[in-house]
Amino acid sequence: MDTQVSKILDLLTKGMEGVPDIASQAFQIMVRGKFVNGVATIVLGVILLVFSAIVAIAIWSKMKDDDDGYYEWSVFLALLILPIILGLCYLYGGITSVMAPEYDAVMTLLKMVK
């Protein structure tokens, strides 16, 4: 009985020898993934802000041509607020993810554990 238990324990310890290496490599991959997600989020935020700027410039130039452009400007200004706010939120999230991808990876692991 003792020999069987010792054989089982030996097999378990041999099987567990590679776990710390795998865990550290998995964490490094997760950190790289968080960095890439942060860069993609920054790009999305910049695209939203550039889109808002282009639309605002187009509306502003049209407003100068028309006498009654005030109504159109106020309607489109309300519609431009959403992409501007979303763009700024994406920029903030992306910058924090790029600045500290390790923190983001640890928080993801903690959410998985809960």
PDB file of N, CA and C in Angstrom:
ATOM      1  N   MET A   1       0.816  -1.191   0.000  1.00  0.00           N
ATOM      2  CA  MET A   1       0.000   0.000   0.000  1.00  0.00           C
ATOM      3  C   MET A   1       0.863   1.259   0.000  1.00  0.00           C
ATOM      4  N   ASP A   2       1.899   1.266   0.841  1.00  0.00           N
ATOM      5  CA  ASP A   2       2.770   2.436   0.903  1.00  0.00           C
ATOM      6  C   ASP A   2       3.534   2.631  -0.400  1.00  0.00           C
ATOM      7  N   THR A   3       3.900   1.538  -1.036  1.00  0.00           N
ATOM      8  CA  THR A   3       4.627   1.671  -2.301  1.00  0.00           C
ATOM      9  C   THR A   3       3.728   2.234  -3.396  1.00  0.00           C
ATOM     10  N   GLN A   4       2.462   1.853  -3.381  1.00  0.00           N
ATOM     11  CA  GLN A   4       1.539   2.393  -4.379  1.00  0.00           C
ATOM     12  C   GLN A   4       1.317   3.887  -4.160  1.00  0.00           C
ATOM     13  N   VAL A   5       1.178   4.277  -2.904  1.00  0.00           N
ATOM     14  CA  VAL A   5       0.985   5.696  -2.587  1.00  0.00           C
ATOM     15  C   VAL A   5       2.223   6.492  -2.976  1.00  0.00           C
ATOM     16  N   SER A   6       3.392   5.948  -2.693  1.00  0.00           N
ATOM     17  CA  SER A   6       4.619   6.665  -3.048  1.00  0.00           C
ATOM     18  C   SER A   6       4.782   6.757  -4.564  1.00  0.00           C
ATOM     19  N   LYS A   7       4.376   5.711  -5.294  1.00  0.00           N
ATOM     20  CA  LYS A   7       4.440   5.769  -6.759  1.00  0.00           C
ATOM     21  C   LYS A   7       3.483   6.829  -7.299  1.00  0.00           C
ATOM     22  N   ILE A   8       2.296   6.888  -6.718  1.00  0.00           N
ATOM     23  CA  ILE A   8       1.315   7.893  -7.155  1.00  0.00           C
ATOM     24  C   ILE A   8       1.831   9.297  -6.860  1.00  0.00           C
ATOM     25  N   LEU A   9       2.408   9.478  -5.683  1.00  0.00           N
ATOM     26  CA  LEU A   9       2.961  10.789  -5.331  1.00  0.00           C
ATOM     27  C   LEU A   9       4.126  11.165  -6.240  1.00  0.00           C
ATOM     28  N   ASP A  10       4.961  10.197  -6.573  1.00  0.00           N
ATOM     29  CA  ASP A  10       6.065  10.460  -7.499  1.00  0.00           C
ATOM     30  C   ASP A  10       5.547  10.879  -8.869  1.00  0.00           C
ATOM     31  N   LEU A  11       4.515  10.185  -9.352  1.00  0.00           N
ATOM     32  CA  LEU A  11       3.926  10.547 -10.647  1.00  0.00           C
ATOM     33  C   LEU A  11       3.327  11.954 -10.606  1.00  0.00           C
ATOM     34  N   LEU A  12       2.669  12.279  -9.500  1.00  0.00           N
ATOM     35  CA  LEU A  12       2.077  13.611  -9.371  1.00  0.00           C
ATOM     36  C   LEU A  12       3.141  14.704  -9.339  1.00  0.00           C
ATOM     37  N   THR A  13       4.218  14.468  -8.609  1.00  0.00           N
ATOM     38  CA  THR A  13       5.268  15.485  -8.543  1.00  0.00           C
ATOM     39  C   THR A  13       5.971  15.643  -9.885  1.00  0.00           C
ATOM     40  N   LYS A  14       6.155  14.538 -10.619  1.00  0.00           N
ATOM     41  CA  LYS A  14       6.757  14.638 -11.951  1.00  0.00           C
ATOM     42  C   LYS A  14       5.841  15.397 -12.902  1.00  0.00           C
ATOM     43  N   GLY A  15       4.539  15.173 -12.773  1.00  0.00           N
ATOM     44  CA  GLY A  15       3.586  15.863 -13.639  1.00  0.00           C
ATOM     45  C   GLY A  15       3.456  17.342 -13.317  1.00  0.00           C
ATOM     46  N   MET A  16       3.706  17.709 -12.066  1.00  0.00           N
ATOM     47  CA  MET A  16       3.550  19.102 -11.645  1.00  0.00           C
ATOM     48  C   MET A  16       4.822  19.926 -11.818  1.00  0.00           C
ATOM     49  N   GLU A  17       5.915  19.320 -12.253  1.00  0.00           N
ATOM     50  CA  GLU A  17       7.173  20.056 -12.383  1.00  0.00           C
ATOM     51  C   GLU A  17       7.092  21.161 -13.429  1.00  0.00           C
ATOM     52  N   GLY A  18       6.351  20.956 -14.486  1.00  0.00           N
ATOM     53  CA  GLY A  18       6.291  21.954 -15.552  1.00  0.00           C
ATOM     54  C   GLY A  18       5.236  23.027 -15.355  1.00  0.00           C
ATOM     55  N   VAL A  19       4.416  22.906 -14.314  1.00  0.00           N
ATOM     56  CA  VAL A  19       3.314  23.855 -14.122  1.00  0.00           C
ATOM     57  C   VAL A  19       3.798  25.286 -13.886  1.00  0.00           C
ATOM     58  N   PRO A  20       4.804  25.549 -13.053  1.00  0.00           N
ATOM     59  CA  PRO A  20       5.233  26.946 -12.884  1.00  0.00           C
ATOM     60  C   PRO A  20       5.712  27.586 -14.189  1.00  0.00           C
ATOM     61  N   ASP A  21       6.397  26.827 -15.026  1.00  0.00           N
ATOM     62  CA  ASP A  21       6.849  27.374 -16.306  1.00  0.00           C
ATOM     63  C   ASP A  21       5.665  27.696 -17.208  1.00  0.00           C
ATOM     64  N   ILE A  22       4.699  26.800 -17.237  1.00  0.00           N
ATOM     65  CA  ILE A  22       3.515  27.022 -18.067  1.00  0.00           C
ATOM     66  C   ILE A  22       2.734  28.223 -17.555  1.00  0.00           C
ATOM     67  N   ALA A  23       2.617  28.350 -16.233  1.00  0.00           N
ATOM     68  CA  ALA A  23       1.863  29.466 -15.661  1.00  0.00           C
ATOM     69  C   ALA A  23       2.535  30.797 -15.974  1.00  0.00           C
ATOM     70  N   SER A  24       3.859  30.859 -15.878  1.00  0.00           N
ATOM     71  CA  SER A  24       4.543  32.124 -16.177  1.00  0.00           C
ATOM     72  C   SER A  24       4.447  32.462 -17.660  1.00  0.00           C
ATOM     73  N   GLN A  25       4.533  31.462 -18.520  1.00  0.00           N
ATOM     74  CA  GLN A  25       4.383  31.722 -19.955  1.00  0.00           C
ATOM     75  C   GLN A  25       2.962  32.149 -20.291  1.00  0.00           C
ATOM     76  N   ALA A  26       1.980  31.540 -19.639  1.00  0.00           N
ATOM     77  CA  ALA A  26       0.585  31.926 -19.880  1.00  0.00           C
ATOM     78  C   ALA A  26       0.345  33.359 -19.421  1.00  0.00           C
ATOM     79  N   PHE A  27       0.946  33.745 -18.299  1.00  0.00           N
ATOM     80  CA  PHE A  27       0.799  35.124 -17.820  1.00  0.00           C
ATOM     81  C   PHE A  27       1.452  36.105 -18.788  1.00  0.00           C
ATOM     82  N   GLN A  28       2.625  35.763 -19.319  1.00  0.00           N
ATOM     83  CA  GLN A  28       3.281  36.639 -20.296  1.00  0.00           C
ATOM     84  C   GLN A  28       2.440  36.784 -21.555  1.00  0.00           C
ATOM     85  N   ILE A  29       1.824  35.706 -21.994  1.00  0.00           N
ATOM     86  CA  ILE A  29       0.946  35.771 -23.167  1.00  0.00           C
ATOM     87  C   ILE A  29      -0.266  36.645 -22.865  1.00  0.00           C
ATOM     88  N   MET A  30      -0.800  36.518 -21.656  1.00  0.00           N
ATOM     89  CA  MET A  30      -1.947  37.333 -21.271  1.00  0.00           C
ATOM     90  C   MET A  30      -1.570  38.815 -21.224  1.00  0.00           C
ATOM     91  N   VAL A  31      -0.373  39.121 -20.738  1.00  0.00           N
ATOM     92  CA  VAL A  31       0.084  40.513 -20.690  1.00  0.00           C
ATOM     93  C   VAL A  31       0.232  41.064 -22.105  1.00  0.00           C
ATOM     94  N   ARG A  32       0.805  40.286 -23.001  1.00  0.00           N
ATOM     95  CA  ARG A  32       0.922  40.734 -24.399  1.00  0.00           C
ATOM     96  C   ARG A  32      -0.450  40.959 -25.021  1.00  0.00           C
ATOM     97  N   GLY A  33      -1.381  40.072 -24.724  1.00  0.00           N
ATOM     98  CA  GLY A  33      -2.742  40.220 -25.236  1.00  0.00           C
ATOM     99  C   GLY A  33      -3.408  41.482 -24.720  1.00  0.00           C
ATOM    100  N   LYS A  34      -3.201  41.794 -23.452  1.00  0.00           N
ATOM    101  CA  LYS A  34      -3.765  43.025 -22.890  1.00  0.00           C
ATOM    102  C   LYS A  34      -3.131  44.256 -23.531  1.00  0.00           C
ATOM    103  N   PHE A  35      -1.837  44.188 -23.832  1.00  0.00           N
ATOM    104  CA  PHE A  35      -1.163  45.302 -24.505  1.00  0.00           C
ATOM    105  C   PHE A  35      -1.748  45.510 -25.901  1.00  0.00           C
ATOM    106  N   VAL A  36      -1.926  44.418 -26.635  1.00  0.00           N
ATOM    107  CA  VAL A  36      -2.484  44.509 -27.988  1.00  0.00           C
ATOM    108  C   VAL A  36      -3.918  45.029 -27.938  1.00  0.00           C
ATOM    109  N   ASN A  37      -4.701  44.560 -26.969  1.00  0.00           N
ATOM    110  CA  ASN A  37      -6.063  45.071 -26.824  1.00  0.00           C
ATOM    111  C   ASN A  37      -6.061  46.560 -26.505  1.00  0.00           C
ATOM    112  N   GLY A  38      -5.100  46.998 -25.710  1.00  0.00           N
ATOM    113  CA  GLY A  38      -4.995  48.425 -25.398  1.00  0.00           C
ATOM    114  C   GLY A  38      -4.675  49.250 -26.629  1.00  0.00           C
ATOM    115  N   VAL A  39      -3.767  48.765 -27.458  1.00  0.00           N
ATOM    116  CA  VAL A  39      -3.426  49.482 -28.694  1.00  0.00           C
ATOM    117  C   VAL A  39      -4.639  49.537 -29.620  1.00  0.00           C
ATOM    118  N   ALA A  40      -5.358  48.431 -29.734  1.00  0.00           N
ATOM    119  CA  ALA A  40      -6.557  48.410 -30.586  1.00  0.00           C
ATOM    120  C   ALA A  40      -7.617  49.369 -30.054  1.00  0.00           C
ATOM    121  N   THR A  41      -7.742  49.466 -28.751  1.00  0.00           N
ATOM    122  CA  THR A  41      -8.708  50.384 -28.155  1.00  0.00           C
ATOM    123  C   THR A  41      -8.313  51.832 -28.407  1.00  0.00           C
ATOM    124  N   ILE A  42      -7.016  52.125 -28.341  1.00  0.00           N
ATOM    125  CA  ILE A  42      -6.549  53.478 -28.649  1.00  0.00           C
ATOM    126  C   ILE A  42      -6.853  53.823 -30.097  1.00  0.00           C
ATOM    127  N   VAL A  43      -6.604  52.892 -30.997  1.00  0.00           N
ATOM    128  CA  VAL A  43      -6.879  53.133 -32.422  1.00  0.00           C
ATOM    129  C   VAL A  43      -8.370  53.393 -32.634  1.00  0.00           C
ATOM    130  N   LEU A  44      -9.221  52.625 -31.972  1.00  0.00           N
ATOM    131  CA  LEU A  44     -10.663  52.833 -32.099  1.00  0.00           C
ATOM    132  C   LEU A  44     -11.070  54.207 -31.568  1.00  0.00           C
ATOM    133  N   GLY A  45     -10.494  54.607 -30.444  1.00  0.00           N
ATOM    134  CA  GLY A  45     -10.790  55.933 -29.898  1.00  0.00           C
ATOM    135  C   GLY A  45     -10.358  57.043 -30.831  1.00  0.00           C
ATOM    136  N   VAL A  46      -9.182  56.900 -31.429  1.00  0.00           N
ATOM    137  CA  VAL A  46      -8.697  57.914 -32.374  1.00  0.00           C
ATOM    138  C   VAL A  46      -9.598  57.965 -33.606  1.00  0.00           C
ATOM    139  N   ILE A  47     -10.027  56.806 -34.092  1.00  0.00           N
ATOM    140  CA  ILE A  47     -10.917  56.775 -35.258  1.00  0.00           C
ATOM    141  C   ILE A  47     -12.228  57.493 -34.944  1.00  0.00           C
ATOM    142  N   LEU A  48     -12.782  57.252 -33.765  1.00  0.00           N
ATOM    143  CA  LEU A  48     -14.024  57.927 -33.391  1.00  0.00           C
ATOM    144  C   LEU A  48     -13.838  59.440 -33.299  1.00  0.00           C
ATOM    145  N   LEU A  49     -12.720  59.872 -32.720  1.00  0.00           N
ATOM    146  CA  LEU A  49     -12.484  61.312 -32.598  1.00  0.00           C
ATOM    147  C   LEU A  49     -12.232  61.959 -33.956  1.00  0.00           C
ATOM    148  N   VAL A  50     -11.497  61.283 -34.828  1.00  0.00           N
ATOM    149  CA  VAL A  50     -11.251  61.823 -36.175  1.00  0.00           C
ATOM    150  C   VAL A  50     -12.557  61.881 -36.959  1.00  0.00           C
ATOM    151  N   PHE A  51     -13.373  60.848 -36.847  1.00  0.00           N
ATOM    152  CA  PHE A  51     -14.679  60.844 -37.512  1.00  0.00           C
ATOM    153  C   PHE A  51     -15.525  62.019 -37.029  1.00  0.00           C
ATOM    154  N   SER A  52     -15.528  62.246 -35.725  1.00  0.00           N
ATOM    155  CA  SER A  52     -16.295  63.366 -35.179  1.00  0.00           C
ATOM    156  C   SER A  52     -15.773  64.695 -35.697  1.00  0.00           C
ATOM    157  N   ALA A  53     -14.456  64.828 -35.783  1.00  0.00           N
ATOM    158  CA  ALA A  53     -13.872  66.078 -36.276  1.00  0.00           C
ATOM    159  C   ALA A  53     -14.221  66.298 -37.747  1.00  0.00           C
ATOM    160  N   ILE A  54     -14.149  65.250 -38.547  1.00  0.00           N
ATOM    161  CA  ILE A  54     -14.468  65.380 -39.980  1.00  0.00           C
ATOM    162  C   ILE A  54     -15.932  65.766 -40.168  1.00  0.00           C
ATOM    163  N   VAL A  55     -16.815  65.117 -39.428  1.00  0.00           N
ATOM    164  CA  VAL A  55     -18.243  65.445 -39.536  1.00  0.00           C
ATOM    165  C   VAL A  55     -18.499  66.866 -39.056  1.00  0.00           C
ATOM    166  N   ALA A  56     -17.853  67.274 -37.973  1.00  0.00           N
ATOM    167  CA  ALA A  56     -18.043  68.634 -37.464  1.00  0.00           C
ATOM    168  C   ALA A  56     -17.551  69.669 -38.467  1.00  0.00           C
ATOM    169  N   ILE A  57     -16.419  69.412 -39.104  1.00  0.00           N
ATOM    170  CA  ILE A  57     -15.895  70.351 -40.106  1.00  0.00           C
ATOM    171  C   ILE A  57     -16.830  70.417 -41.305  1.00  0.00           C
ATOM    172  N   ALA A  58     -17.343  69.268 -41.727  1.00  0.00           N
ATOM    173  CA  ALA A  58     -18.265  69.255 -42.867  1.00  0.00           C
ATOM    174  C   ALA A  58     -19.543  70.022 -42.540  1.00  0.00           C
ATOM    175  N   ILE A  59     -20.061  69.833 -41.356  1.00  0.00           N
ATOM    176  CA  ILE A  59     -21.285  70.540 -40.966  1.00  0.00           C
ATOM    177  C   ILE A  59     -21.010  72.030 -40.807  1.00  0.00           C
ATOM    178  N   TRP A  60     -19.866  72.376 -40.234  1.00  0.00           N
ATOM    179  CA  TRP A  60     -19.519  73.789 -40.041  1.00  0.00           C
ATOM    180  C   TRP A  60     -19.383  74.507 -41.379  1.00  0.00           C
ATOM    181  N   SER A  61     -18.763  73.852 -42.344  1.00  0.00           N
ATOM    182  CA  SER A  61     -18.618  74.495 -43.658  1.00  0.00           C
ATOM    183  C   SER A  61     -19.973  74.642 -44.343  1.00  0.00           C
ATOM    184  N   LYS A  62     -20.854  73.685 -44.159  1.00  0.00           N
ATOM    185  CA  LYS A  62     -22.191  73.792 -44.743  1.00  0.00           C
ATOM    186  C   LYS A  62     -22.999  74.865 -44.030  1.00  0.00           C
ATOM    187  N   MET A  63     -22.787  74.995 -42.729  1.00  0.00           N
ATOM    188  CA  MET A  63     -23.522  75.996 -41.965  1.00  0.00           C
ATOM    189  C   MET A  63     -23.166  77.403 -42.418  1.00  0.00           C
ATOM    190  N   LYS A  64     -21.919  77.621 -42.807  1.00  0.00           N
ATOM    191  CA  LYS A  64     -21.504  78.941 -43.285  1.00  0.00           C
ATOM    192  C   LYS A  64     -22.181  79.275 -44.611  1.00  0.00           C
ATOM    193  N   ASP A  65     -22.467  78.254 -45.416  1.00  0.00           N
ATOM    194  CA  ASP A  65     -23.104  78.486 -46.712  1.00  0.00           C
ATOM    195  C   ASP A  65     -24.590  78.778 -46.569  1.00  0.00           C
ATOM    196  N   ASP A  66     -25.239  78.134 -45.623  1.00  0.00           N
ATOM    197  CA  ASP A  66     -26.684  78.297 -45.461  1.00  0.00           C
ATOM    198  C   ASP A  66     -26.986  79.341 -44.398  1.00  0.00           C
ATOM    199  N   ASP A  67     -28.098  80.024 -44.593  1.00  0.00           N
ATOM    200  CA  ASP A  67     -28.525  80.988 -43.588  1.00  0.00           C
ATOM    201  C   ASP A  67     -29.238  80.305 -42.428  1.00  0.00           C
ATOM    202  N   ASP A  68     -29.924  79.232 -42.713  1.00  0.00           N
ATOM    203  CA  ASP A  68     -30.688  78.547 -41.671  1.00  0.00           C
ATOM    204  C   ASP A  68     -29.960  77.305 -41.146  1.00  0.00           C
ATOM    205  N   GLY A  69     -28.663  77.324 -41.090  1.00  0.00           N
ATOM    206  CA  GLY A  69     -27.871  76.171 -40.663  1.00  0.00           C
ATOM    207  C   GLY A  69     -27.828  75.964 -39.170  1.00  0.00           C
ATOM    208  N   TYR A  70     -28.340  76.919 -38.396  1.00  0.00           N
ATOM    209  CA  TYR A  70     -28.266  76.798 -36.945  1.00  0.00           C
ATOM    210  C   TYR A  70     -29.008  75.561 -36.455  1.00  0.00           C
ATOM    211  N   TYR A  71     -30.179  75.293 -37.023  1.00  0.00           N
ATOM    212  CA  TYR A  71     -30.960  74.135 -36.607  1.00  0.00           C
ATOM    213  C   TYR A  71     -30.200  72.841 -36.914  1.00  0.00           C
ATOM    214  N   GLU A  72     -29.628  72.759 -38.102  1.00  0.00           N
ATOM    215  CA  GLU A  72     -28.873  71.560 -38.467  1.00  0.00           C
ATOM    216  C   GLU A  72     -27.665  71.381 -37.551  1.00  0.00           C
ATOM    217  N   TRP A  73     -26.986  72.467 -37.239  1.00  0.00           N
ATOM    218  CA  TRP A  73     -25.808  72.377 -36.382  1.00  0.00           C
ATOM    219  C   TRP A  73     -26.188  71.868 -34.996  1.00  0.00           C
ATOM    220  N   SER A  74     -27.269  72.351 -34.442  1.00  0.00           N
ATOM    221  CA  SER A  74     -27.652  71.915 -33.095  1.00  0.00           C
ATOM    222  C   SER A  74     -28.055  70.439 -33.081  1.00  0.00           C
ATOM    223  N   VAL A  75     -28.709  69.978 -34.130  1.00  0.00           N
ATOM    224  CA  VAL A  75     -29.091  68.567 -34.199  1.00  0.00           C
ATOM    225  C   VAL A  75     -27.849  67.694 -34.338  1.00  0.00           C
ATOM    226  N   PHE A  76     -26.956  68.063 -35.229  1.00  0.00           N
ATOM    227  CA  PHE A  76     -25.764  67.244 -35.437  1.00  0.00           C
ATOM    228  C   PHE A  76     -24.778  67.360 -34.283  1.00  0.00           C
ATOM    229  N   LEU A  77     -24.789  68.485 -33.585  1.00  0.00           N
ATOM    230  CA  LEU A  77     -23.931  68.613 -32.413  1.00  0.00           C
ATOM    231  C   LEU A  77     -24.353  67.598 -31.349  1.00  0.00           C
ATOM    232  N   ALA A  78     -25.655  67.435 -31.185  1.00  0.00           N
ATOM    233  CA  ALA A  78     -26.146  66.441 -30.229  1.00  0.00           C
ATOM    234  C   ALA A  78     -25.717  65.032 -30.649  1.00  0.00           C
ATOM    235  N   LEU A  79     -25.715  64.772 -31.958  1.00  0.00           N
ATOM    236  CA  LEU A  79     -25.293  63.453 -32.434  1.00  0.00           C
ATOM    237  C   LEU A  79     -23.777  63.269 -32.371  1.00  0.00           C
ATOM    238  N   LEU A  80     -23.027  64.366 -32.394  1.00  0.00           N
ATOM    239  CA  LEU A  80     -21.561  64.264 -32.327  1.00  0.00           C
ATOM    240  C   LEU A  80     -21.053  64.066 -30.907  1.00  0.00           C
ATOM    241  N   ILE A  81     -21.854  64.397 -29.927  1.00  0.00           N
ATOM    242  CA  ILE A  81     -21.399  64.271 -28.543  1.00  0.00           C
ATOM    243  C   ILE A  81     -21.132  62.805 -28.193  1.00  0.00           C
ATOM    244  N   LEU A  82     -21.980  61.912 -28.655  1.00  0.00           N
ATOM    245  CA  LEU A  82     -21.809  60.486 -28.337  1.00  0.00           C
ATOM    246  C   LEU A  82     -20.486  59.914 -28.851  1.00  0.00           C
ATOM    247  N   PRO A  83     -20.117  60.089 -30.139  1.00  0.00           N
ATOM    248  CA  PRO A  83     -18.820  59.538 -30.562  1.00  0.00           C
ATOM    249  C   PRO A  83     -17.630  60.212 -29.891  1.00  0.00           C
ATOM    250  N   ILE A  84     -17.772  61.483 -29.535  1.00  0.00           N
ATOM    251  CA  ILE A  84     -16.667  62.158 -28.843  1.00  0.00           C
ATOM    252  C   ILE A  84     -16.476  61.552 -27.459  1.00  0.00           C
ATOM    253  N   ILE A  85     -17.566  61.366 -26.737  1.00  0.00           N
ATOM    254  CA  ILE A  85     -17.469  60.773 -25.397  1.00  0.00           C
ATOM    255  C   ILE A  85     -16.958  59.333 -25.480  1.00  0.00           C
ATOM    256  N   LEU A  86     -17.484  58.562 -26.424  1.00  0.00           N
ATOM    257  CA  LEU A  86     -17.005  57.181 -26.589  1.00  0.00           C
ATOM    258  C   LEU A  86     -15.526  57.150 -26.971  1.00  0.00           C
ATOM    259  N   GLY A  87     -15.121  58.041 -27.863  1.00  0.00           N
ATOM    260  CA  GLY A  87     -13.720  58.097 -28.268  1.00  0.00           C
ATOM    261  C   GLY A  87     -12.804  58.406 -27.101  1.00  0.00           C
ATOM    262  N   LEU A  88     -13.209  59.357 -26.251  1.00  0.00           N
ATOM    263  CA  LEU A  88     -12.394  59.696 -25.084  1.00  0.00           C
ATOM    264  C   LEU A  88     -12.348  58.540 -24.084  1.00  0.00           C
ATOM    265  N   CYS A  89     -13.468  57.852 -23.914  1.00  0.00           N
ATOM    266  CA  CYS A  89     -13.483  56.694 -23.005  1.00  0.00           C
ATOM    267  C   CYS A  89     -12.583  55.571 -23.529  1.00  0.00           C
ATOM    268  N   TYR A  90     -12.654  55.315 -24.832  1.00  0.00           N
ATOM    269  CA  TYR A  90     -11.785  54.293 -25.424  1.00  0.00           C
ATOM    270  C   TYR A  90     -10.313  54.693 -25.305  1.00  0.00           C
ATOM    271  N   LEU A  91     -10.023  55.961 -25.515  1.00  0.00           N
ATOM    272  CA  LEU A  91      -8.635  56.410 -25.363  1.00  0.00           C
ATOM    273  C   LEU A  91      -8.144  56.198 -23.938  1.00  0.00           C
ATOM    274  N   TYR A  92      -8.957  56.560 -22.969  1.00  0.00           N
ATOM    275  CA  TYR A  92      -8.567  56.392 -21.571  1.00  0.00           C
ATOM    276  C   TYR A  92      -8.323  54.919 -21.238  1.00  0.00           C
ATOM    277  N   GLY A  93      -9.259  54.063 -21.625  1.00  0.00           N
ATOM    278  CA  GLY A  93      -9.101  52.633 -21.350  1.00  0.00           C
ATOM    279  C   GLY A  93      -7.903  52.034 -22.061  1.00  0.00           C
ATOM    280  N   GLY A  94      -7.675  52.452 -23.303  1.00  0.00           N
ATOM    281  CA  GLY A  94      -6.537  51.932 -24.057  1.00  0.00           C
ATOM    282  C   GLY A  94      -5.209  52.384 -23.490  1.00  0.00           C
ATOM    283  N   ILE A  95      -5.144  53.653 -23.093  1.00  0.00           N
ATOM    284  CA  ILE A  95      -3.884  54.171 -22.542  1.00  0.00           C
ATOM    285  C   ILE A  95      -3.566  53.490 -21.218  1.00  0.00           C
ATOM    286  N   THR A  96      -4.564  53.309 -20.365  1.00  0.00           N
ATOM    287  CA  THR A  96      -4.291  52.620 -19.096  1.00  0.00           C
ATOM    288  C   THR A  96      -3.902  51.165 -19.324  1.00  0.00           C
ATOM    289  N   SER A  97      -4.469  50.540 -20.339  1.00  0.00           N
ATOM    290  CA  SER A  97      -4.115  49.148 -20.632  1.00  0.00           C
ATOM    291  C   SER A  97      -2.711  49.041 -21.218  1.00  0.00           C
ATOM    292  N   VAL A  98      -2.308  50.015 -22.017  1.00  0.00           N
ATOM    293  CA  VAL A  98      -0.964  49.997 -22.599  1.00  0.00           C
ATOM    294  C   VAL A  98       0.083  50.357 -21.544  1.00  0.00           C
ATOM    295  N   MET A  99      -0.263  51.273 -20.651  1.00  0.00           N
ATOM    296  CA  MET A  99       0.698  51.700 -19.632  1.00  0.00           C
ATOM    297  C   MET A  99       0.968  50.603 -18.593  1.00  0.00           C
ATOM    298  N   ALA A 100      -0.059  49.819 -18.250  1.00  0.00           N
ATOM    299  CA  ALA A 100       0.102  48.784 -17.224  1.00  0.00           C
ATOM    300  C   ALA A 100      -0.636  47.512 -17.631  1.00  0.00           C
ATOM    301  N   PRO A 101      -0.110  46.788 -18.625  1.00  0.00           N
ATOM    302  CA  PRO A 101      -0.810  45.563 -19.037  1.00  0.00           C
ATOM    303  C   PRO A 101      -0.751  44.466 -17.974  1.00  0.00           C
ATOM    304  N   GLU A 102       0.275  44.493 -17.116  1.00  0.00           N
ATOM    305  CA  GLU A 102       0.372  43.490 -16.058  1.00  0.00           C
ATOM    306  C   GLU A 102      -0.790  43.638 -15.079  1.00  0.00           C
ATOM    307  N   TYR A 103      -1.095  44.889 -14.722  1.00  0.00           N
ATOM    308  CA  TYR A 103      -2.210  45.146 -13.810  1.00  0.00           C
ATOM    309  C   TYR A 103      -3.516  44.653 -14.418  1.00  0.00           C
ATOM    310  N   ASP A 104      -3.711  44.935 -15.687  1.00  0.00           N
ATOM    311  CA  ASP A 104      -4.928  44.510 -16.376  1.00  0.00           C
ATOM    312  C   ASP A 104      -5.027  42.986 -16.418  1.00  0.00           C
ATOM    313  N   ALA A 105      -3.895  42.313 -16.638  1.00  0.00           N
ATOM    314  CA  ALA A 105      -3.888  40.845 -16.667  1.00  0.00           C
ATOM    315  C   ALA A 105      -4.184  40.268 -15.287  1.00  0.00           C
ATOM    316  N   VAL A 106      -3.615  40.867 -14.242  1.00  0.00           N
ATOM    317  CA  VAL A 106      -3.871  40.391 -12.883  1.00  0.00           C
ATOM    318  C   VAL A 106      -5.345  40.586 -12.525  1.00  0.00           C
ATOM    319  N   MET A 107      -5.917  41.730 -12.906  1.00  0.00           N
ATOM    320  CA  MET A 107      -7.331  41.971 -12.619  1.00  0.00           C
ATOM    321  C   MET A 107      -8.216  40.966 -13.355  1.00  0.00           C
ATOM    322  N   THR A 108      -7.846  40.613 -14.572  1.00  0.00           N
ATOM    323  CA  THR A 108      -8.607  39.603 -15.313  1.00  0.00           C
ATOM    324  C   THR A 108      -8.518  38.246 -14.617  1.00  0.00           C
ATOM    325  N   LEU A 109      -7.325  37.896 -14.136  1.00  0.00           N
ATOM    326  CA  LEU A 109      -7.175  36.632 -13.404  1.00  0.00           C
ATOM    327  C   LEU A 109      -8.001  36.632 -12.124  1.00  0.00           C
ATOM    328  N   LEU A 110      -8.026  37.762 -11.426  1.00  0.00           N
ATOM    329  CA  LEU A 110      -8.822  37.840 -10.203  1.00  0.00           C
ATOM    330  C   LEU A 110     -10.313  37.710 -10.493  1.00  0.00           C
ATOM    331  N   LYS A 111     -10.756  38.284 -11.611  1.00  0.00           N
ATOM    332  CA  LYS A 111     -12.166  38.138 -11.989  1.00  0.00           C
ATOM    333  C   LYS A 111     -12.491  36.689 -12.327  1.00  0.00           C
ATOM    334  N   MET A 112     -11.525  35.985 -12.913  1.00  0.00           N
ATOM    335  CA  MET A 112     -11.740  34.578 -13.253  1.00  0.00           C
ATOM    336  C   MET A 112     -11.831  33.720 -11.993  1.00  0.00           C
ATOM    337  N   VAL A 113     -11.076  34.085 -10.968  1.00  0.00           N
ATOM    338  CA  VAL A 113     -11.064  33.310  -9.727  1.00  0.00           C
ATOM    339  C   VAL A 113     -12.370  33.504  -8.961  1.00  0.00           C
ATOM    340  N   LYS A 114     -12.895  34.734  -8.986  1.00  0.00           N
ATOM    341  CA  LYS A 114     -14.147  35.008  -8.264  1.00  0.00           C
ATOM    342  C   LYS A 114     -15.228  34.288  -8.916  1.00  0.00           C
TER     343      LYS A 114
END
